[in-house]
Protein backbone atom coordinates (compact mmCIF):
# COMPACT_ATOMS: atom_id res chain seq x y z
CA MET A 1 -75.26 -99.54 20.56
CA ASP A 2 -73.60 -96.17 20.03
CA GLN A 3 -71.60 -95.19 16.95
CA LYS A 4 -68.17 -95.67 18.58
CA ALA A 5 -69.07 -99.18 19.74
CA MET A 6 -70.35 -100.08 16.28
CA VAL A 7 -67.15 -98.83 14.63
CA GLU A 8 -65.00 -100.64 17.22
CA GLU A 9 -66.88 -103.91 16.70
CA GLU A 10 -66.58 -103.62 12.91
CA ILE A 11 -62.82 -102.88 13.06
CA ILE A 12 -62.24 -105.92 15.26
CA THR A 13 -64.35 -108.08 12.93
CA LEU A 14 -62.36 -106.89 9.91
CA LEU A 15 -59.01 -107.47 11.59
CA ARG A 16 -60.02 -111.03 12.56
CA GLU A 17 -59.98 -111.74 8.82
CA GLY A 18 -56.47 -110.31 8.38
CA SER A 19 -54.30 -107.26 8.74
CA LEU A 20 -55.25 -104.02 6.94
CA THR A 21 -54.04 -100.46 6.41
CA SER A 22 -56.01 -97.60 7.96
CA THR A 23 -57.26 -96.61 4.50
CA GLU A 24 -58.59 -100.12 3.90
CA ILE A 25 -60.24 -100.13 7.33
CA VAL A 26 -61.94 -96.78 6.70
CA GLU A 27 -63.20 -97.88 3.26
CA LYS A 28 -64.59 -101.18 4.55
CA VAL A 29 -66.31 -99.62 7.59
CA ILE A 30 -67.95 -96.94 5.44
CA ARG A 31 -69.02 -99.58 2.86
CA LYS A 32 -70.79 -101.46 5.68
CA GLY A 33 -73.08 -98.45 6.02
CA ILE A 34 -71.94 -97.38 9.48
CA ASP A 35 -72.54 -93.65 9.86
CA ALA A 36 -69.03 -92.45 10.72
CA THR A 37 -66.45 -90.16 9.16
CA ALA A 38 -62.92 -91.24 8.31
CA GLU A 39 -61.70 -89.16 11.26
CA ASP A 40 -64.13 -90.95 13.64
CA ILE A 41 -62.92 -94.34 12.41
CA ARG A 42 -59.24 -93.40 12.78
CA GLN A 43 -59.92 -92.12 16.31
CA VAL A 44 -61.53 -95.43 17.30
CA LEU A 45 -58.56 -97.27 15.74
CA ALA A 46 -56.15 -95.11 17.79
CA ASP A 47 -58.16 -95.90 20.94
CA LEU A 48 -57.94 -99.64 20.19
CA ILE A 49 -54.15 -99.33 19.85
CA ARG A 50 -53.88 -97.46 23.17
CA GLU A 51 -56.04 -100.13 24.84
CA GLY A 52 -53.75 -102.84 23.48
CA LYS A 53 -56.44 -104.59 21.46
CA VAL A 54 -54.82 -103.72 18.11
CA ASN A 55 -51.15 -103.51 17.14
CA LYS A 56 -49.47 -101.83 14.20
CA LYS A 57 -46.33 -102.46 12.19
CA VAL A 58 -44.76 -100.80 9.17
CA ASP A 59 -45.16 -102.33 5.72
CA TYR A 60 -42.17 -100.89 3.91
CA GLY A 61 -43.49 -102.08 0.54
CA LYS A 62 -46.73 -100.12 0.90
CA LYS A 63 -45.07 -97.36 2.99
CA LYS A 64 -48.00 -97.58 5.41
CA PHE A 65 -48.84 -98.94 8.83
CA ILE A 66 -50.53 -102.33 8.88
CA PHE A 67 -52.97 -102.95 11.72
CA TYR A 68 -53.68 -106.35 13.23
CA LEU A 69 -55.35 -107.80 16.33
CA ASN A 70 -53.27 -108.38 19.42
CA VAL A 71 -53.20 -112.13 20.01
CA GLU A 72 -53.66 -111.62 23.75
CA SER A 73 -57.00 -109.78 23.40
């Protein structure tokens, strides 16, 4: 499995547990020991949004985007 696929799988696994900010996603993926930079992880997250697998909404309290799985995927 290539790096992008590993990051994608881990992001989806994390978001199954609940919605997260991009910072939280990056921290958790790196803690899992996956060899990827923060930029790599954010790029995979952006790809998942474009593919419609992940959605985002604004959390005005945190002043950040919150990412969550699309129920249809």
